[in-house]
Amino acid sequence: SNIVKNLLNVAQLETQGFHVSLEEFNLSELVSDVIATFRLQMEKEAIALREDILPEVTVFADRFLIERVVTNYLNNAIVHIGEPKEIRVSLCQTEDGAYLGVYNATPKVLDREKIWTSFYKSDDSQGNGLGLSIVKAIMDAHKKEYGFRYLDDGVEFFIKL
């Protein structure tokens, strides 16, 4: 049922007539709330969490959809964690908005072309391969930048709002 629900979400988001409900909200609070939902899981899996979240970062976007993006990025970081078991979440104000990054150590080299495609999974990947395609659809609906970059021994997925 989760796969069907996610497929419907992707289809809805990719539809030309999809409406994004824009509002101003505190992204710092939203990110902290999403982190709180994963905190117990990270403790159980002995994952160190480093937060660098600037308080009072406000954005103008669809709060519900951006929460989904943050949730998908954080979940992916946990599922695909390498050594050392560390996740870093950073949020800062930029000249033209906000930058949110979710980093995890991983030895994997990601396929820049396929990673945002529905059902794409690396050989050893868990899940259904829809999380990042949902991120793509949400960020495309907002007409905002998203992506990933390699840092140190890992990868940081980001959005710019």
N, C-alpha and C. Protein backbone atom coordinates (compact mmCIF):
# COMPACT_ATOMS: atom_id res chain seq x y z
N SER A 1 0.82 -1.20 0.00
CA SER A 1 0.00 0.00 0.00
C SER A 1 0.86 1.26 0.00
N ASN A 2 2.06 1.19 0.66
CA ASN A 2 2.96 2.35 0.65
C ASN A 2 3.46 2.66 -0.76
N ILE A 3 3.77 1.61 -1.52
CA ILE A 3 4.24 1.82 -2.89
C ILE A 3 3.16 2.50 -3.72
N VAL A 4 1.92 2.02 -3.60
CA VAL A 4 0.81 2.61 -4.34
C VAL A 4 0.60 4.07 -3.94
N LYS A 5 0.65 4.33 -2.63
CA LYS A 5 0.49 5.70 -2.14
C LYS A 5 1.60 6.60 -2.67
N ASN A 6 2.84 6.11 -2.65
CA ASN A 6 3.96 6.90 -3.17
C ASN A 6 3.84 7.12 -4.66
N LEU A 7 3.40 6.11 -5.40
CA LEU A 7 3.20 6.27 -6.84
C LEU A 7 2.14 7.32 -7.13
N LEU A 8 1.05 7.29 -6.38
CA LEU A 8 0.01 8.31 -6.55
C LEU A 8 0.55 9.70 -6.23
N ASN A 9 1.38 9.80 -5.19
CA ASN A 9 1.99 11.09 -4.85
C ASN A 9 2.85 11.61 -5.99
N VAL A 10 3.70 10.73 -6.55
CA VAL A 10 4.56 11.14 -7.66
C VAL A 10 3.72 11.58 -8.85
N ALA A 11 2.71 10.79 -9.19
CA ALA A 11 1.84 11.12 -10.33
C ALA A 11 1.16 12.46 -10.11
N GLN A 12 0.66 12.67 -8.90
CA GLN A 12 -0.01 13.93 -8.60
C GLN A 12 0.97 15.10 -8.69
N LEU A 13 2.16 14.93 -8.14
CA LEU A 13 3.14 16.01 -8.16
C LEU A 13 3.61 16.34 -9.56
N GLU A 14 3.67 15.34 -10.42
CA GLU A 14 4.16 15.56 -11.78
C GLU A 14 3.08 16.08 -12.73
N THR A 15 1.84 16.10 -12.27
CA THR A 15 0.73 16.59 -13.08
C THR A 15 0.86 18.09 -13.26
N GLN A 16 0.63 18.54 -14.47
CA GLN A 16 0.74 19.98 -14.77
C GLN A 16 -0.10 20.85 -13.85
N GLY A 17 -1.30 20.38 -13.51
CA GLY A 17 -2.22 21.21 -12.74
C GLY A 17 -2.03 21.14 -11.24
N PHE A 18 -0.99 20.47 -10.77
CA PHE A 18 -0.80 20.33 -9.33
C PHE A 18 -0.58 21.69 -8.69
N HIS A 19 -1.24 21.92 -7.57
CA HIS A 19 -1.16 23.20 -6.88
C HIS A 19 -0.29 23.08 -5.63
N VAL A 20 0.72 23.92 -5.55
CA VAL A 20 1.58 23.99 -4.38
C VAL A 20 1.01 25.08 -3.47
N SER A 21 0.74 24.74 -2.21
CA SER A 21 0.17 25.69 -1.25
C SER A 21 1.30 26.44 -0.55
N LEU A 22 1.62 27.60 -1.04
CA LEU A 22 2.74 28.37 -0.50
C LEU A 22 2.33 29.14 0.75
N GLU A 23 3.22 29.09 1.72
CA GLU A 23 3.05 29.84 2.96
C GLU A 23 4.43 30.11 3.55
N GLU A 24 4.51 31.14 4.37
CA GLU A 24 5.76 31.40 5.07
C GLU A 24 5.77 30.56 6.34
N PHE A 25 6.88 29.87 6.60
CA PHE A 25 6.99 29.07 7.82
C PHE A 25 8.45 28.98 8.24
N ASN A 26 8.63 28.55 9.49
CA ASN A 26 9.96 28.42 10.08
C ASN A 26 10.53 27.05 9.70
N LEU A 27 11.45 27.03 8.76
CA LEU A 27 12.06 25.79 8.30
C LEU A 27 12.92 25.16 9.40
N SER A 28 13.51 25.97 10.25
CA SER A 28 14.33 25.46 11.36
C SER A 28 13.50 24.55 12.25
N GLU A 29 12.30 24.99 12.60
CA GLU A 29 11.41 24.19 13.44
C GLU A 29 10.99 22.91 12.74
N LEU A 30 10.65 23.01 11.46
CA LEU A 30 10.23 21.84 10.70
C LEU A 30 11.35 20.79 10.66
N VAL A 31 12.57 21.22 10.37
CA VAL A 31 13.71 20.30 10.30
C VAL A 31 13.94 19.65 11.67
N SER A 32 13.87 20.43 12.73
CA SER A 32 14.05 19.89 14.08
C SER A 32 12.97 18.87 14.42
N ASP A 33 11.74 19.14 14.00
CA ASP A 33 10.64 18.20 14.24
C ASP A 33 10.85 16.89 13.49
N VAL A 34 11.29 16.96 12.25
CA VAL A 34 11.54 15.75 11.46
C VAL A 34 12.69 14.95 12.09
N ILE A 35 13.74 15.63 12.50
CA ILE A 35 14.86 14.95 13.16
C ILE A 35 14.37 14.21 14.40
N ALA A 36 13.48 14.85 15.16
CA ALA A 36 12.97 14.24 16.39
C ALA A 36 12.26 12.91 16.10
N THR A 37 11.60 12.80 14.96
CA THR A 37 10.90 11.55 14.63
C THR A 37 11.87 10.41 14.34
N PHE A 38 13.11 10.73 13.97
CA PHE A 38 14.11 9.72 13.65
C PHE A 38 15.12 9.49 14.78
N ARG A 39 15.07 10.29 15.81
CA ARG A 39 16.09 10.26 16.86
C ARG A 39 16.24 8.88 17.52
N LEU A 40 15.15 8.26 17.87
CA LEU A 40 15.20 6.95 18.53
C LEU A 40 15.81 5.90 17.59
N GLN A 41 15.41 5.92 16.34
CA GLN A 41 15.97 4.98 15.36
C GLN A 41 17.48 5.17 15.22
N MET A 42 17.92 6.42 15.17
CA MET A 42 19.36 6.68 15.05
C MET A 42 20.11 6.21 16.30
N GLU A 43 19.52 6.41 17.47
CA GLU A 43 20.15 5.93 18.70
C GLU A 43 20.27 4.42 18.69
N LYS A 44 19.20 3.72 18.29
CA LYS A 44 19.21 2.26 18.23
C LYS A 44 20.28 1.74 17.28
N GLU A 45 20.50 2.46 16.19
CA GLU A 45 21.47 2.02 15.18
C GLU A 45 22.85 2.65 15.41
N ALA A 46 23.04 3.29 16.56
CA ALA A 46 24.31 3.91 16.93
C ALA A 46 24.82 4.89 15.87
N ILE A 47 23.91 5.70 15.36
CA ILE A 47 24.26 6.71 14.36
C ILE A 47 24.43 8.04 15.09
N ALA A 48 25.59 8.64 14.93
CA ALA A 48 25.83 9.96 15.53
C ALA A 48 25.16 11.02 14.66
N LEU A 49 24.52 11.95 15.29
CA LEU A 49 23.84 13.04 14.58
C LEU A 49 24.50 14.36 14.95
N ARG A 50 24.90 15.09 13.93
CA ARG A 50 25.46 16.42 14.14
C ARG A 50 24.52 17.42 13.48
N GLU A 51 24.02 18.34 14.27
CA GLU A 51 23.08 19.34 13.75
C GLU A 51 23.73 20.71 13.73
N ASP A 52 23.63 21.37 12.61
CA ASP A 52 24.08 22.74 12.47
C ASP A 52 22.92 23.51 11.85
N ILE A 53 21.93 23.78 12.69
CA ILE A 53 20.68 24.37 12.22
C ILE A 53 20.56 25.79 12.75
N LEU A 54 20.64 26.73 11.87
CA LEU A 54 20.46 28.13 12.24
C LEU A 54 19.01 28.34 12.66
N PRO A 55 18.76 28.95 13.82
CA PRO A 55 17.38 29.17 14.24
C PRO A 55 16.70 30.25 13.40
N GLU A 56 15.40 30.15 13.34
CA GLU A 56 14.57 31.18 12.70
C GLU A 56 14.83 31.34 11.20
N VAL A 57 15.13 30.26 10.50
CA VAL A 57 15.23 30.32 9.04
C VAL A 57 13.82 30.16 8.49
N THR A 58 13.31 31.21 7.89
CA THR A 58 11.96 31.15 7.34
C THR A 58 12.02 31.06 5.82
N VAL A 59 11.05 30.35 5.27
CA VAL A 59 10.95 30.16 3.82
C VAL A 59 9.50 30.33 3.40
N PHE A 60 9.31 30.49 2.11
CA PHE A 60 7.98 30.59 1.51
C PHE A 60 7.84 29.39 0.59
N ALA A 61 7.11 28.38 1.07
CA ALA A 61 6.99 27.12 0.32
C ALA A 61 5.78 26.36 0.85
N ASP A 62 5.57 25.15 0.32
CA ASP A 62 4.51 24.28 0.80
C ASP A 62 5.07 23.48 1.97
N ARG A 63 4.64 23.80 3.16
CA ARG A 63 5.18 23.19 4.39
C ARG A 63 5.07 21.66 4.37
N PHE A 64 3.91 21.15 4.00
CA PHE A 64 3.69 19.70 3.99
C PHE A 64 4.64 19.01 3.01
N LEU A 65 4.80 19.58 1.83
CA LEU A 65 5.67 18.96 0.83
C LEU A 65 7.14 19.05 1.22
N ILE A 66 7.55 20.17 1.78
CA ILE A 66 8.95 20.31 2.20
C ILE A 66 9.24 19.37 3.37
N GLU A 67 8.27 19.14 4.23
CA GLU A 67 8.45 18.15 5.30
C GLU A 67 8.71 16.77 4.68
N ARG A 68 8.03 16.46 3.61
CA ARG A 68 8.23 15.18 2.92
C ARG A 68 9.66 15.09 2.36
N VAL A 69 10.16 16.17 1.80
CA VAL A 69 11.53 16.20 1.28
C VAL A 69 12.53 15.93 2.40
N VAL A 70 12.39 16.65 3.51
CA VAL A 70 13.32 16.50 4.63
C VAL A 70 13.25 15.07 5.17
N THR A 71 12.05 14.54 5.28
CA THR A 71 11.85 13.16 5.76
C THR A 71 12.53 12.17 4.82
N ASN A 72 12.34 12.33 3.52
CA ASN A 72 12.96 11.41 2.55
C ASN A 72 14.47 11.49 2.60
N TYR A 73 15.03 12.69 2.68
CA TYR A 73 16.49 12.83 2.74
C TYR A 73 17.05 12.18 4.01
N LEU A 74 16.41 12.43 5.14
CA LEU A 74 16.91 11.88 6.40
C LEU A 74 16.77 10.35 6.43
N ASN A 75 15.65 9.86 5.95
CA ASN A 75 15.46 8.41 5.89
C ASN A 75 16.52 7.77 4.99
N ASN A 76 16.78 8.36 3.83
CA ASN A 76 17.81 7.83 2.93
C ASN A 76 19.19 7.83 3.59
N ALA A 77 19.48 8.89 4.34
CA ALA A 77 20.77 8.98 5.01
C ALA A 77 20.93 7.83 6.01
N ILE A 78 19.86 7.50 6.70
CA ILE A 78 19.90 6.40 7.68
C ILE A 78 20.04 5.06 6.97
N VAL A 79 19.23 4.83 5.95
CA VAL A 79 19.22 3.55 5.25
C VAL A 79 20.55 3.28 4.54
N HIS A 80 21.17 4.33 4.01
CA HIS A 80 22.39 4.16 3.22
C HIS A 80 23.66 4.59 3.97
N ILE A 81 23.60 4.53 5.29
CA ILE A 81 24.74 4.99 6.10
C ILE A 81 25.94 4.06 5.93
N GLY A 82 27.11 4.67 5.87
CA GLY A 82 28.36 3.91 5.82
C GLY A 82 29.11 4.13 7.11
N GLU A 83 30.42 3.99 7.04
CA GLU A 83 31.26 4.22 8.22
C GLU A 83 32.06 5.50 8.00
N PRO A 84 32.21 6.36 8.95
CA PRO A 84 31.62 6.25 10.28
C PRO A 84 30.12 6.51 10.22
N LYS A 85 29.40 5.98 11.18
CA LYS A 85 27.95 6.13 11.24
C LYS A 85 27.62 7.53 11.76
N GLU A 86 27.64 8.46 10.84
CA GLU A 86 27.38 9.86 11.20
C GLU A 86 26.51 10.51 10.14
N ILE A 87 25.53 11.25 10.62
CA ILE A 87 24.68 12.06 9.75
C ILE A 87 24.82 13.50 10.21
N ARG A 88 24.98 14.39 9.23
CA ARG A 88 25.06 15.82 9.54
C ARG A 88 23.91 16.53 8.82
N VAL A 89 23.16 17.29 9.58
CA VAL A 89 22.07 18.08 9.02
C VAL A 89 22.44 19.54 9.21
N SER A 90 22.47 20.27 8.11
CA SER A 90 22.81 21.69 8.21
C SER A 90 21.72 22.53 7.54
N LEU A 91 21.45 23.67 8.15
CA LEU A 91 20.47 24.60 7.62
C LEU A 91 20.98 26.00 7.86
N CYS A 92 21.05 26.78 6.79
CA CYS A 92 21.50 28.16 6.94
C CYS A 92 20.71 29.08 6.01
N GLN A 93 20.73 30.33 6.37
CA GLN A 93 20.13 31.37 5.53
C GLN A 93 21.15 31.74 4.47
N THR A 94 20.69 31.90 3.26
CA THR A 94 21.58 32.33 2.18
C THR A 94 21.10 33.68 1.67
N GLU A 95 21.87 34.24 0.78
CA GLU A 95 21.53 35.54 0.22
C GLU A 95 20.15 35.52 -0.45
N ASP A 96 19.83 34.42 -1.09
CA ASP A 96 18.57 34.34 -1.82
C ASP A 96 17.59 33.31 -1.25
N GLY A 97 17.74 32.94 0.04
CA GLY A 97 16.80 32.00 0.64
C GLY A 97 17.44 31.17 1.73
N ALA A 98 17.28 29.84 1.59
CA ALA A 98 17.79 28.92 2.61
C ALA A 98 18.44 27.73 1.93
N TYR A 99 19.42 27.13 2.63
CA TYR A 99 20.10 25.94 2.15
C TYR A 99 19.99 24.87 3.23
N LEU A 100 19.47 23.71 2.86
CA LEU A 100 19.38 22.58 3.75
C LEU A 100 20.18 21.44 3.16
N GLY A 101 21.09 20.88 3.97
CA GLY A 101 21.90 19.75 3.53
C GLY A 101 21.80 18.60 4.52
N VAL A 102 21.73 17.37 3.98
CA VAL A 102 21.73 16.16 4.81
C VAL A 102 22.86 15.29 4.30
N TYR A 103 23.89 15.10 5.14
CA TYR A 103 25.11 14.37 4.78
C TYR A 103 25.16 13.03 5.51
N ASN A 104 25.65 12.02 4.81
CA ASN A 104 26.02 10.77 5.46
C ASN A 104 27.24 10.18 4.77
N ALA A 105 28.02 9.47 5.56
CA ALA A 105 29.20 8.80 5.01
C ALA A 105 28.73 7.62 4.17
N THR A 106 29.28 7.48 3.00
CA THR A 106 28.95 6.36 2.13
C THR A 106 30.05 6.19 1.10
N PRO A 107 30.42 4.97 0.80
CA PRO A 107 31.44 4.74 -0.22
C PRO A 107 30.84 4.70 -1.63
N LYS A 108 29.52 4.79 -1.74
CA LYS A 108 28.84 4.62 -3.02
C LYS A 108 29.07 5.82 -3.95
N VAL A 109 29.17 5.50 -5.22
CA VAL A 109 29.17 6.52 -6.26
C VAL A 109 27.77 6.51 -6.85
N LEU A 110 27.12 7.65 -6.85
CA LEU A 110 25.73 7.74 -7.27
C LEU A 110 25.62 8.07 -8.76
N ASP A 111 24.63 7.54 -9.40
CA ASP A 111 24.36 7.80 -10.81
C ASP A 111 23.55 9.08 -10.92
N ARG A 112 24.20 10.17 -11.33
CA ARG A 112 23.55 11.49 -11.38
C ARG A 112 22.31 11.51 -12.27
N GLU A 113 22.29 10.68 -13.31
CA GLU A 113 21.17 10.66 -14.24
C GLU A 113 19.99 9.87 -13.70
N LYS A 114 20.25 8.74 -13.09
CA LYS A 114 19.18 7.80 -12.72
C LYS A 114 18.64 7.98 -11.31
N ILE A 115 19.40 8.59 -10.43
CA ILE A 115 19.05 8.59 -9.01
C ILE A 115 17.69 9.24 -8.71
N TRP A 116 17.26 10.17 -9.55
CA TRP A 116 16.00 10.88 -9.32
C TRP A 116 14.82 10.21 -10.04
N THR A 117 15.06 9.08 -10.68
CA THR A 117 14.05 8.37 -11.45
C THR A 117 13.26 7.41 -10.56
N SER A 118 11.96 7.32 -10.77
CA SER A 118 11.12 6.39 -10.01
C SER A 118 11.61 4.96 -10.19
N PHE A 119 11.64 4.23 -9.09
CA PHE A 119 12.02 2.82 -9.01
C PHE A 119 13.51 2.56 -9.20
N TYR A 120 14.34 3.61 -9.33
CA TYR A 120 15.78 3.36 -9.46
C TYR A 120 16.33 2.99 -8.08
N LYS A 121 17.05 1.90 -8.03
CA LYS A 121 17.70 1.46 -6.81
C LYS A 121 19.08 0.93 -7.18
N SER A 122 20.06 1.21 -6.33
CA SER A 122 21.36 0.59 -6.52
C SER A 122 21.21 -0.89 -6.17
N ASP A 123 22.17 -1.69 -6.54
CA ASP A 123 22.07 -3.14 -6.38
C ASP A 123 21.72 -3.59 -4.97
N ASP A 124 22.28 -2.94 -3.96
CA ASP A 124 22.06 -3.38 -2.58
C ASP A 124 21.07 -2.49 -1.82
N SER A 125 20.33 -1.68 -2.54
CA SER A 125 19.45 -0.71 -1.92
C SER A 125 18.19 -1.35 -1.34
N GLN A 126 17.76 -0.79 -0.20
CA GLN A 126 16.48 -1.17 0.38
C GLN A 126 15.44 -0.18 -0.13
N GLY A 127 14.20 -0.40 0.19
CA GLY A 127 13.15 0.54 -0.19
C GLY A 127 12.61 0.25 -1.57
N ASN A 128 11.77 1.18 -2.05
CA ASN A 128 11.10 0.97 -3.33
C ASN A 128 11.60 1.86 -4.45
N GLY A 129 12.59 2.71 -4.18
CA GLY A 129 13.15 3.55 -5.23
C GLY A 129 12.28 4.73 -5.61
N LEU A 130 11.39 5.16 -4.71
CA LEU A 130 10.51 6.28 -5.02
C LEU A 130 10.86 7.56 -4.25
N GLY A 131 11.61 7.45 -3.16
CA GLY A 131 11.87 8.61 -2.30
C GLY A 131 12.47 9.80 -3.01
N LEU A 132 13.52 9.58 -3.78
CA LEU A 132 14.18 10.71 -4.45
C LEU A 132 13.38 11.21 -5.65
N SER A 133 12.58 10.35 -6.27
CA SER A 133 11.73 10.83 -7.36
C SER A 133 10.63 11.73 -6.79
N ILE A 134 10.20 11.45 -5.57
CA ILE A 134 9.23 12.32 -4.90
C ILE A 134 9.88 13.65 -4.57
N VAL A 135 11.12 13.63 -4.09
CA VAL A 135 11.86 14.88 -3.84
C VAL A 135 11.94 15.70 -5.11
N LYS A 136 12.32 15.06 -6.21
CA LYS A 136 12.44 15.75 -7.51
C LYS A 136 11.12 16.40 -7.90
N ALA A 137 10.02 15.64 -7.79
CA ALA A 137 8.71 16.18 -8.17
C ALA A 137 8.32 17.37 -7.30
N ILE A 138 8.57 17.26 -5.99
CA ILE A 138 8.24 18.36 -5.07
C ILE A 138 9.06 19.60 -5.39
N MET A 139 10.36 19.42 -5.57
CA MET A 139 11.21 20.59 -5.82
C MET A 139 10.95 21.18 -7.20
N ASP A 140 10.65 20.34 -8.19
CA ASP A 140 10.28 20.85 -9.51
C ASP A 140 8.98 21.64 -9.42
N ALA A 141 8.01 21.17 -8.62
CA ALA A 141 6.75 21.89 -8.45
C ALA A 141 6.99 23.26 -7.80
N HIS A 142 7.99 23.35 -6.94
CA HIS A 142 8.36 24.62 -6.31
C HIS A 142 9.26 25.47 -7.21
N LYS A 143 9.79 24.85 -8.27
CA LYS A 143 10.76 25.51 -9.17
C LYS A 143 12.00 25.96 -8.38
N LYS A 144 12.48 25.04 -7.52
CA LYS A 144 13.64 25.31 -6.68
C LYS A 144 14.70 24.25 -6.89
N GLU A 145 15.93 24.59 -6.54
CA GLU A 145 17.08 23.72 -6.78
C GLU A 145 17.21 22.63 -5.72
N TYR A 146 17.66 21.47 -6.17
CA TYR A 146 17.92 20.32 -5.31
C TYR A 146 19.05 19.52 -5.95
N GLY A 147 19.64 18.62 -5.20
CA GLY A 147 20.69 17.80 -5.78
C GLY A 147 21.53 17.14 -4.70
N PHE A 148 22.73 16.74 -5.10
CA PHE A 148 23.66 16.18 -4.14
C PHE A 148 25.07 16.53 -4.56
N ARG A 149 25.97 16.49 -3.59
CA ARG A 149 27.37 16.75 -3.86
C ARG A 149 28.20 15.87 -2.94
N TYR A 150 29.37 15.51 -3.43
CA TYR A 150 30.27 14.68 -2.64
C TYR A 150 31.07 15.56 -1.70
N LEU A 151 31.16 15.12 -0.44
CA LEU A 151 31.96 15.79 0.59
C LEU A 151 32.74 14.74 1.35
N ASP A 152 33.98 14.99 1.65
CA ASP A 152 34.79 14.07 2.44
C ASP A 152 34.59 12.64 1.94
N ASP A 153 34.13 11.76 2.82
CA ASP A 153 33.89 10.37 2.47
C ASP A 153 32.41 10.07 2.36
N GLY A 154 31.65 11.02 1.89
CA GLY A 154 30.21 10.80 1.83
C GLY A 154 29.53 11.71 0.82
N VAL A 155 28.25 11.84 1.01
CA VAL A 155 27.44 12.62 0.08
C VAL A 155 26.46 13.48 0.87
N GLU A 156 26.23 14.69 0.36
CA GLU A 156 25.25 15.59 0.97
C GLU A 156 24.16 15.86 -0.06
N PHE A 157 22.92 15.51 0.31
CA PHE A 157 21.76 15.87 -0.49
C PHE A 157 21.29 17.22 0.01
N PHE A 158 20.86 18.08 -0.92
CA PHE A 158 20.49 19.43 -0.52
C PHE A 158 19.27 19.93 -1.26
N ILE A 159 18.67 20.96 -0.68
CA ILE A 159 17.64 21.75 -1.34
C ILE A 159 17.96 23.22 -1.08
N LYS A 160 17.53 24.05 -2.00
CA LYS A 160 17.64 25.50 -1.84
C LYS A 160 16.24 26.07 -1.99
N LEU A 161 15.82 26.80 -0.99
CA LEU A 161 14.49 27.41 -1.02
C LEU A 161 14.58 28.93 -0.95
